[in-house]
Protein backbone atom coordinates (compact mmCIF):
# COMPACT_ATOMS: atom_id res chain seq x y z
CA MET A 1 96.82 83.25 99.34
CA PRO A 2 97.23 80.25 96.97
CA GLU A 3 100.07 77.92 97.89
CA ASP A 4 102.11 78.93 94.84
CA THR A 5 102.29 82.64 95.69
CA LEU A 6 105.80 84.07 95.85
CA ASN A 7 107.32 85.61 98.95
CA LEU A 8 108.12 89.15 97.81
CA ALA A 9 110.37 91.37 99.92
CA VAL A 10 109.95 95.08 99.22
CA ILE A 11 113.08 96.83 100.49
CA ILE A 12 113.23 100.54 101.34
CA GLY A 13 116.83 101.44 100.50
CA SER A 14 117.12 104.95 101.92
CA VAL A 15 117.63 105.59 105.64
CA ARG A 16 118.33 109.32 105.56
CA GLU A 17 116.39 111.81 107.65
CA GLY A 18 113.29 113.08 105.84
CA ARG A 19 113.41 110.30 103.24
CA PHE A 20 110.49 109.82 100.88
CA GLY A 21 111.02 106.09 100.42
CA PRO A 22 108.30 104.93 102.86
CA VAL A 23 105.67 106.90 100.91
CA VAL A 24 106.65 105.25 97.63
CA ALA A 25 106.90 101.86 99.35
CA ARG A 26 103.40 102.07 100.82
CA TRP A 27 101.99 102.79 97.37
CA PHE A 28 103.91 99.91 95.80
CA VAL A 29 102.95 97.45 98.53
CA GLU A 30 99.30 98.24 97.78
CA GLN A 31 99.93 97.41 94.12
CA ALA A 32 101.72 94.15 94.98
CA GLU A 33 99.01 93.02 97.37
CA ALA A 34 96.30 93.82 94.83
CA HIS A 35 98.18 91.84 92.18
CA GLY A 36 97.47 88.57 93.96
CA GLY A 37 100.64 86.70 93.05
CA PHE A 38 102.66 87.59 96.13
CA THR A 39 102.86 87.48 99.88
CA VAL A 40 104.45 90.85 100.61
CA ASP A 41 107.03 91.62 103.30
CA LEU A 42 108.00 95.30 103.63
CA ILE A 43 111.60 95.61 104.83
CA ASP A 44 112.78 99.04 105.99
CA LEU A 45 116.58 99.19 106.27
CA ALA A 46 116.20 102.00 108.80
CA ASP A 47 114.93 99.39 111.27
CA THR A 48 118.22 97.45 111.33
CA PRO A 49 121.75 98.71 112.06
CA LEU A 50 123.94 97.73 109.11
CA PRO A 51 127.67 97.82 109.90
CA LEU A 52 129.74 99.19 107.04
CA ALA A 53 132.75 97.15 108.17
CA LEU A 54 132.32 93.71 106.62
CA PRO A 55 133.91 90.56 108.10
CA ALA A 56 137.37 89.45 107.00
CA VAL A 57 135.92 86.48 105.11
CA PRO A 58 133.25 87.76 102.68
CA PRO A 59 129.78 86.16 102.44
CA ALA A 60 130.70 84.72 99.04
CA LEU A 61 133.25 82.46 100.75
CA ALA A 62 131.38 81.92 104.02
CA PRO A 63 127.79 80.75 103.43
CA ASP A 64 127.32 80.27 107.19
CA LEU A 65 128.66 83.71 108.01
CA THR A 66 127.96 84.85 111.57
CA ARG A 67 126.36 88.28 111.41
CA PRO A 68 125.73 90.73 114.26
CA PRO A 69 122.78 89.59 116.43
CA ALA A 70 120.82 92.74 115.52
CA MET A 71 120.76 91.55 111.90
CA ALA A 72 119.13 88.19 112.67
CA GLU A 73 115.59 89.23 111.73
CA LEU A 74 116.72 90.99 108.55
CA SER A 75 118.74 87.91 107.58
CA ARG A 76 115.75 85.66 108.05
CA ARG A 77 113.50 87.86 105.93
CA VAL A 78 116.04 88.34 103.13
CA ALA A 79 116.65 84.59 102.94
CA ALA A 80 112.92 83.76 102.97
CA ALA A 81 112.10 85.90 99.94
CA ASP A 82 111.60 84.37 96.49
CA ALA A 83 111.84 87.78 94.82
CA TYR A 84 112.58 91.38 95.72
CA VAL A 85 111.61 94.90 94.77
CA VAL A 86 114.09 97.59 95.78
CA ILE A 87 112.76 101.10 96.41
CA THR A 88 115.62 103.51 95.76
CA PRO A 89 116.35 107.19 95.18
CA ASP A 90 119.35 108.61 93.32
CA TYR A 91 122.13 109.78 95.65
CA ASN A 92 124.82 111.60 93.68
CA ARG A 93 123.99 109.65 90.51
CA SER A 94 123.90 106.29 92.28
CA TYR A 95 122.16 104.44 95.12
CA PRO A 96 122.38 104.87 98.92
CA ALA A 97 125.27 103.48 100.97
CA SER A 98 122.74 101.82 103.27
CA LEU A 99 121.50 99.74 100.35
CA LYS A 100 125.03 98.71 99.33
CA ALA A 101 125.74 97.62 102.89
CA ALA A 102 122.59 95.52 102.98
CA ILE A 103 123.49 93.87 99.69
CA ASP A 104 127.10 93.16 100.65
CA TRP A 105 126.24 91.46 103.94
CA TYR A 106 124.59 88.66 101.95
CA HIS A 107 125.46 86.54 98.95
CA LEU A 108 123.70 83.20 98.55
CA GLU A 109 120.46 84.85 99.65
CA TRP A 110 120.30 86.80 96.36
CA ARG A 111 121.40 83.98 94.08
CA ALA A 112 119.01 82.88 91.32
CA LYS A 113 116.21 85.17 92.51
CA ALA A 114 114.27 87.84 90.62
CA ILE A 115 114.70 91.50 91.50
CA GLY A 116 112.70 94.52 90.38
CA PHE A 117 113.10 98.23 91.04
CA VAL A 118 111.02 101.28 91.90
CA GLY A 119 113.00 104.51 91.63
CA TYR A 120 112.33 108.11 92.59
CA SER A 121 114.37 111.31 92.43
CA GLY A 122 114.23 114.89 91.33
CA ALA A 123 115.31 114.35 87.73
CA SER A 124 116.00 110.79 86.57
CA GLY A 125 113.36 109.11 88.69
CA GLY A 126 115.94 106.80 90.22
CA LEU A 127 117.12 105.38 86.90
CA LEU A 128 120.79 106.15 87.61
CA ALA A 129 120.62 104.17 90.84
CA ILE A 130 118.73 101.34 89.15
CA GLU A 131 121.33 100.93 86.41
CA HIS A 132 124.12 100.65 88.98
CA LEU A 133 122.11 98.16 91.01
CA ARG A 134 121.65 95.95 87.96
CA GLN A 135 125.43 95.56 87.75
CA VAL A 136 125.76 94.75 91.44
CA PHE A 137 122.99 92.16 91.49
CA GLY A 138 124.28 90.62 88.27
CA GLU A 139 127.56 89.90 90.04
CA LEU A 140 125.55 88.07 92.72
CA HIS A 141 123.85 85.86 90.11
CA ALA A 142 120.45 87.45 90.67
CA HIS A 143 118.15 88.24 87.75
CA THR A 144 116.98 91.85 87.47
CA VAL A 145 113.80 92.16 85.45
CA ARG A 146 113.58 94.56 82.52
CA HIS A 147 110.62 96.69 83.59
CA TYR A 148 110.55 99.13 86.49
CA VAL A 149 108.52 101.96 88.01
CA SER A 150 110.00 105.45 88.05
CA PHE A 151 108.91 108.68 89.74
CA PRO A 152 110.85 111.69 88.38
CA ARG A 153 110.07 114.87 90.36
CA TYR A 154 108.25 112.68 92.85
CA TYR A 155 107.45 115.70 95.02
CA GLN A 156 105.04 116.89 92.31
CA LEU A 157 103.35 113.50 91.94
CA PHE A 158 102.23 112.85 95.52
CA ASP A 159 100.05 115.15 97.59
CA ALA A 160 100.72 116.25 101.17
CA ALA A 161 99.05 113.10 102.50
CA GLY A 162 101.33 110.87 100.44
CA THR A 163 98.67 109.94 97.87
CA LEU A 164 99.65 109.62 94.24
CA THR A 165 97.59 112.22 92.39
CA ASP A 166 97.57 110.53 88.97
CA GLN A 167 97.39 106.78 89.44
CA GLN A 168 96.94 105.46 85.92
CA GLU A 169 100.43 105.38 84.40
CA PRO A 170 102.32 104.30 87.57
CA THR A 171 99.69 101.63 88.29
CA GLU A 172 100.05 100.24 84.77
CA ALA A 173 103.85 100.25 85.12
CA ALA A 174 103.60 98.45 88.46
CA LYS A 175 101.35 95.79 86.95
CA ILE A 176 103.84 95.13 84.13
CA LEU A 177 106.72 94.95 86.62
CA LEU A 178 104.83 92.59 88.93
CA ASP A 179 103.74 90.31 86.09
CA GLU A 180 107.33 90.01 84.90
CA LEU A 181 108.61 89.54 88.44
CA GLN A 182 106.05 86.80 89.04
CA TRP A 183 107.06 84.92 85.87
CA TRP A 184 110.78 85.04 86.62
CA GLY A 185 110.23 84.47 90.32
CA GLU A 186 108.29 81.27 89.73
CA VAL A 187 110.75 79.96 87.13
CA LEU A 188 113.75 80.63 89.35
CA ARG A 189 112.08 79.26 92.47
CA ASP A 190 111.31 76.00 90.70
CA ALA A 191 114.83 75.84 89.28
CA ARG A 192 116.40 76.39 92.72
CA LEU A 193 114.44 73.41 94.02
CA THR A 194 115.29 71.04 91.17
CA ARG A 195 118.60 72.29 89.74
CA PRO A 196 120.62 74.27 92.30
CA LEU A 197 123.02 76.75 90.75
CA GLY A 198 126.49 75.34 91.40
CA LEU A 199 129.14 78.03 91.14
CA VAL A 200 132.80 78.38 92.01
CA PRO A 201 133.10 80.95 94.82
CA ALA A 202 134.37 84.36 93.77
CA ALA A 203 137.98 85.18 94.54
CA ARG A 204 138.47 86.89 97.87
CA SER A 205 138.88 90.64 97.63
């Protein structure tokens, strides 16, 4: 990979039994690797226990927060990423609790980084979850890119082996998303190195 490639973390947000997220993630990782602008790290939240009980002092006020030892590898990988793509379904018109827990355990790690989304669900294609996630990441001073990939009625779009039956439209959407993510990712990476984003910590809540 060229030296200026971005470190892209692709995060599987669902941890429920029988989840479809890994199938969608494998397809998207193939698109990201073929794009050529990224070094891709696939993060599966099911591999790390994420306590729902957060510490008394939130990450926004404690940059050197001590997290459970089991989260050490996840913390390293989240911090190392220049950009992220979140793979999410809709759960009851929003996103999974596992994904919220993963987001809330960190703060500075998301700041001034680019984030894209790939959604899937029975009806909306994950768009309800994506819109809620935009609000959450905006509060963390991350930049969510405009374009996304969506798989409504995903169970009709992939065959039994997990292969997408009609590649053209999703592949084109992934290319647009990745191009936009690369542009913002590079701009924000350079800005973090030369002009760190100085912010007053959020009030404790």
